[in-house]
Amino acid sequence: MFPVGVATLPIAAAIADKGAKLSTKEPTLLDPLEPGAKEKAKEQFDRITKNLDIKHYFSFDEAWDYMMEKRLAKQKLENFRDGIVAFEEHLKSVPGALGEDPFPLAHTFADGMYIRQLTVPPQTLTVTKIHKQNHPFFLLKGTISILTEEGVKKITAPYSGITKAGTKRIIWHHDEVIFTTVHSTKETDLEKIEDEIIAKDFNEIDEIENDKIKTFIDVIAKTEA
């Protein structure tokens, strides 16, 4: 966990009293489609299927529904990200907010690993930074509630899991919490480590994902050539 915005219970309550919202814009689940877009797509689907004599194991409607589900999921994720960023900026501006990394940290290194242990006092709200890498985490003490795209998840120590790349969370610490994360890196300089495993914004995450896709396409193209 890399807290970037932190508040204690009185500050969190003050934010709620002032009516601070998680998102500053109306949620939009899907961009409007052009009139007749589905009909045009079906016409193209049928034409290409016939011309190339393709045997599908799915219908056009199934393919269309799958595409729409993907678009909805992407828009939902983007709205969630925007909401957390807006909330974080508001939290930073609240008088008495504790700022970045105000709590005790322990740094340990092993072969190709950086182990980071954070102790957070009870009744504290934190907003994490954006992670570039998948990595394991271990809740060694306490109970936390985590706001995710799917809702609130409450977990109690002992607990372990995987934080996925692109994750940024709002976390409420019900009592004193000891939280440990393990990161893959050859670096031992803390500033260099943060540059390697923490993204400055979600655009950086999207660039990483695009690079992964390009690499995959290049590999497939060379394999099939």
Protein backbone atom coordinates (compact mmCIF):
# COMPACT_ATOMS: atom_id res chain seq x y z
CA MET A 1 0.00 0.00 0.00
CA PHE A 2 1.38 3.40 -1.02
CA PRO A 3 -0.88 6.06 0.58
CA VAL A 4 -0.94 9.32 -1.33
CA GLY A 5 -3.87 10.94 0.44
CA VAL A 6 -4.61 10.37 4.13
CA ALA A 7 -7.25 11.60 6.56
CA THR A 8 -8.28 10.76 10.09
CA LEU A 9 -11.90 10.14 11.14
CA PRO A 10 -12.77 13.80 11.92
CA ILE A 11 -11.45 14.91 8.53
CA ALA A 12 -13.24 12.09 6.70
CA ALA A 13 -16.44 13.05 8.50
CA ALA A 14 -15.94 16.69 7.52
CA ILE A 15 -15.63 15.67 3.89
CA ALA A 16 -18.88 13.74 4.15
CA ASP A 17 -20.61 16.66 5.90
CA LYS A 18 -19.59 18.97 3.08
CA GLY A 19 -21.19 16.61 0.60
CA ALA A 20 -18.00 15.59 -1.18
CA LYS A 21 -18.86 13.10 -3.90
CA LEU A 22 -16.76 10.24 -5.17
CA SER A 23 -17.24 11.47 -8.72
CA THR A 24 -17.53 15.02 -9.98
CA LYS A 25 -19.41 14.13 -13.13
CA GLU A 26 -22.55 12.27 -14.00
CA PRO A 27 -21.82 8.56 -14.59
CA THR A 28 -21.98 7.58 -18.22
CA LEU A 29 -22.04 3.83 -18.71
CA LEU A 30 -21.81 3.87 -22.48
CA ASP A 31 -21.13 6.37 -25.25
CA PRO A 32 -24.14 6.71 -27.54
CA LEU A 33 -23.96 4.56 -30.64
CA GLU A 34 -24.82 5.90 -34.05
CA PRO A 35 -28.34 5.13 -35.21
CA GLY A 36 -28.33 1.84 -37.08
CA ALA A 37 -24.83 0.91 -35.89
CA LYS A 38 -25.88 -2.62 -34.93
CA GLU A 39 -27.58 -3.17 -38.28
CA LYS A 40 -24.50 -1.96 -40.17
CA ALA A 41 -22.24 -4.19 -38.08
CA LYS A 42 -24.46 -7.22 -38.77
CA GLU A 43 -24.41 -6.51 -42.49
CA GLN A 44 -20.60 -6.39 -42.44
CA PHE A 45 -20.42 -9.50 -40.25
CA ASP A 46 -22.65 -11.48 -42.63
CA ARG A 47 -20.80 -10.26 -45.73
CA ILE A 48 -17.33 -11.14 -44.43
CA THR A 49 -18.55 -14.46 -43.06
CA LYS A 50 -19.97 -15.39 -46.45
CA ASN A 51 -17.04 -14.11 -48.54
CA LEU A 52 -14.44 -15.90 -46.41
CA ASP A 53 -16.62 -18.95 -45.80
CA ILE A 54 -16.09 -18.67 -42.04
CA LYS A 55 -17.76 -21.17 -39.73
CA HIS A 56 -18.60 -19.40 -36.48
CA TYR A 57 -19.38 -21.06 -33.16
CA PHE A 58 -21.34 -18.01 -32.10
CA SER A 59 -24.08 -15.82 -33.54
CA PHE A 60 -23.78 -12.15 -34.42
CA ASP A 61 -26.03 -11.25 -31.47
CA GLU A 62 -23.72 -13.13 -29.10
CA ALA A 63 -20.70 -11.29 -30.52
CA TRP A 64 -22.51 -7.94 -30.28
CA ASP A 65 -23.57 -8.58 -26.67
CA TYR A 66 -20.00 -9.55 -25.77
CA MET A 67 -18.66 -6.33 -27.30
CA MET A 68 -21.25 -4.24 -25.46
CA GLU A 69 -20.36 -5.91 -22.15
CA LYS A 70 -16.71 -5.07 -22.74
CA ARG A 71 -17.56 -1.44 -23.48
CA LEU A 72 -19.69 -1.21 -20.36
CA ALA A 73 -16.91 -2.70 -18.23
CA LYS A 74 -14.35 -0.28 -19.68
CA GLN A 75 -16.59 2.75 -19.10
CA LYS A 76 -17.35 1.61 -15.56
CA LEU A 77 -13.62 1.31 -14.82
CA GLU A 78 -12.90 4.76 -16.30
CA ASN A 79 -15.69 6.34 -14.23
CA PHE A 80 -14.36 4.66 -11.08
CA ARG A 81 -10.83 5.87 -11.77
CA ASP A 82 -12.01 9.43 -12.40
CA GLY A 83 -14.00 9.36 -9.17
CA ILE A 84 -11.07 8.25 -7.02
CA VAL A 85 -8.74 10.85 -8.56
CA ALA A 86 -11.31 13.60 -7.92
CA PHE A 87 -11.82 12.42 -4.34
CA GLU A 88 -8.05 12.33 -3.74
CA GLU A 89 -7.63 15.91 -4.97
CA HIS A 90 -10.43 17.04 -2.67
CA LEU A 91 -8.90 15.15 0.26
CA LYS A 92 -5.53 16.86 -0.25
CA SER A 93 -7.18 20.27 0.01
CA VAL A 94 -8.92 19.58 3.34
CA PRO A 95 -7.21 21.35 6.28
CA GLY A 96 -5.54 18.81 8.54
CA ALA A 97 -5.05 16.14 5.89
CA LEU A 98 -1.87 14.21 6.68
CA GLY A 99 -0.29 14.20 3.23
CA GLU A 100 1.78 11.50 1.56
CA ASP A 101 3.27 8.54 3.49
CA PRO A 102 2.85 9.97 7.03
CA PHE A 103 2.95 6.60 8.81
CA PRO A 104 5.78 4.29 9.94
CA LEU A 105 7.35 2.29 7.12
CA ALA A 106 9.78 -0.63 7.20
CA HIS A 107 11.80 -1.42 4.06
CA THR A 108 13.39 -4.83 3.51
CA PHE A 109 15.20 -6.28 0.51
CA ALA A 110 15.70 -9.87 -0.64
CA ASP A 111 16.87 -11.41 -3.93
CA GLY A 112 15.02 -9.37 -6.54
CA MET A 113 12.34 -8.30 -4.05
CA TYR A 114 11.37 -5.18 -2.15
CA ILE A 115 9.24 -5.78 0.96
CA ARG A 116 7.38 -2.79 2.32
CA GLN A 117 5.54 -2.84 5.66
CA LEU A 118 3.18 -0.04 6.63
CA THR A 119 1.55 0.57 10.03
CA VAL A 120 -1.61 2.70 9.95
CA PRO A 121 -3.42 4.02 13.07
CA PRO A 122 -7.11 3.27 13.66
CA GLN A 123 -9.94 5.34 12.19
CA THR A 124 -7.89 6.50 9.21
CA LEU A 125 -8.85 6.95 5.56
CA THR A 126 -6.19 6.52 2.86
CA VAL A 127 -6.07 6.76 -0.93
CA THR A 128 -3.41 4.58 -2.51
CA LYS A 129 -1.14 5.35 -5.42
CA ILE A 130 -1.48 3.60 -8.80
CA HIS A 131 0.39 0.32 -9.04
CA LYS A 132 2.20 -0.66 -12.25
CA GLN A 133 2.77 -4.30 -11.29
CA ASN A 134 0.76 -7.24 -10.03
CA HIS A 135 2.07 -7.99 -6.55
CA PRO A 136 1.10 -9.88 -3.37
CA PHE A 137 -0.10 -8.15 -0.24
CA PHE A 138 -0.47 -9.39 3.33
CA LEU A 139 -2.78 -7.92 5.95
CA LEU A 140 -1.00 -8.91 9.16
CA LYS A 141 -3.08 -6.98 11.67
CA GLY A 142 -6.42 -5.18 11.78
CA THR A 143 -9.51 -4.77 9.63
CA ILE A 144 -9.88 -2.60 6.53
CA SER A 145 -12.71 -1.73 4.14
CA ILE A 146 -11.64 -1.24 0.51
CA LEU A 147 -13.66 0.59 -2.11
CA THR A 148 -13.34 -1.26 -5.44
CA GLU A 149 -15.09 -1.12 -8.81
CA GLU A 150 -17.40 -3.87 -7.55
CA GLY A 151 -18.26 -2.21 -4.26
CA VAL A 152 -16.89 -2.29 -0.71
CA LYS A 153 -14.79 -5.27 0.39
CA LYS A 154 -14.09 -5.70 4.12
CA ILE A 155 -11.17 -7.93 5.13
CA THR A 156 -9.61 -8.87 8.48
CA ALA A 157 -6.14 -10.16 9.30
CA PRO A 158 -4.70 -12.62 8.68
CA TYR A 159 -5.38 -12.16 4.97
CA SER A 160 -3.38 -12.23 1.73
CA GLY A 161 -4.16 -11.47 -1.88
CA ILE A 162 -2.91 -10.04 -5.17
CA THR A 163 -3.07 -6.37 -6.11
CA LYS A 164 -3.44 -6.04 -9.87
CA ALA A 165 -1.60 -3.51 -12.03
CA GLY A 166 -3.64 -0.34 -12.50
CA THR A 167 -5.15 -0.56 -9.01
CA LYS A 168 -5.92 2.58 -7.02
CA ARG A 169 -8.11 2.25 -3.93
CA ILE A 170 -9.77 4.16 -1.11
CA ILE A 171 -9.23 2.30 2.17
CA TRP A 172 -10.78 2.80 5.61
CA HIS A 173 -8.74 1.38 8.52
CA HIS A 174 -11.11 0.34 11.30
CA ASP A 175 -8.33 -0.27 13.82
CA GLU A 176 -4.53 -0.33 13.83
CA VAL A 177 -3.39 -2.04 10.64
CA ILE A 178 -0.11 -3.64 9.61
CA PHE A 179 0.00 -4.09 5.84
CA THR A 180 2.86 -5.64 3.86
CA THR A 181 3.45 -5.68 0.10
CA VAL A 182 6.12 -7.47 -1.93
CA HIS A 183 7.41 -6.05 -5.22
CA SER A 184 9.66 -7.48 -7.92
CA THR A 185 12.65 -5.21 -8.50
CA LYS A 186 16.42 -5.30 -8.61
CA GLU A 187 16.63 -1.74 -7.29
CA THR A 188 17.41 -0.83 -3.69
CA ASP A 189 17.09 2.94 -4.06
CA LEU A 190 13.60 3.87 -2.81
CA GLU A 191 13.08 6.71 -5.30
CA LYS A 192 14.03 4.46 -8.22
CA ILE A 193 11.78 1.71 -6.88
CA GLU A 194 8.81 4.04 -6.75
CA ASP A 195 9.44 5.17 -10.33
CA GLU A 196 9.53 1.51 -11.35
CA ILE A 197 6.41 0.23 -9.57
CA ILE A 198 4.17 3.30 -9.19
CA ALA A 199 2.44 5.12 -12.06
CA LYS A 200 2.08 8.88 -12.06
CA ASP A 201 -1.41 8.63 -13.53
CA PHE A 202 -3.72 6.19 -15.33
CA ASN A 203 -2.42 7.31 -18.74
CA GLU A 204 0.86 5.62 -17.84
CA ILE A 205 -1.02 2.37 -17.11
CA ASP A 206 -2.83 2.59 -20.45
CA GLU A 207 0.50 3.09 -22.23
CA ILE A 208 1.88 -0.04 -20.54
CA GLU A 209 -1.17 -2.06 -21.62
CA ASN A 210 -0.87 -0.77 -25.20
CA ASP A 211 2.80 -1.79 -25.24
CA LYS A 212 1.85 -5.29 -24.07
CA ILE A 213 -0.73 -5.57 -26.86
CA LYS A 214 1.76 -4.36 -29.48
CA THR A 215 4.38 -6.84 -28.27
CA PHE A 216 1.85 -9.65 -28.42
CA ILE A 217 0.81 -8.74 -31.97
CA ASP A 218 4.47 -8.52 -33.06
CA VAL A 219 5.21 -11.97 -31.61
CA ILE A 220 2.18 -13.51 -33.31
CA ALA A 221 3.04 -11.84 -36.62
CA LYS A 222 6.59 -13.23 -36.53
CA THR A 223 5.35 -16.68 -35.50
CA GLU A 224 2.78 -16.86 -38.28
CA ALA A 225 5.04 -15.36 -40.98
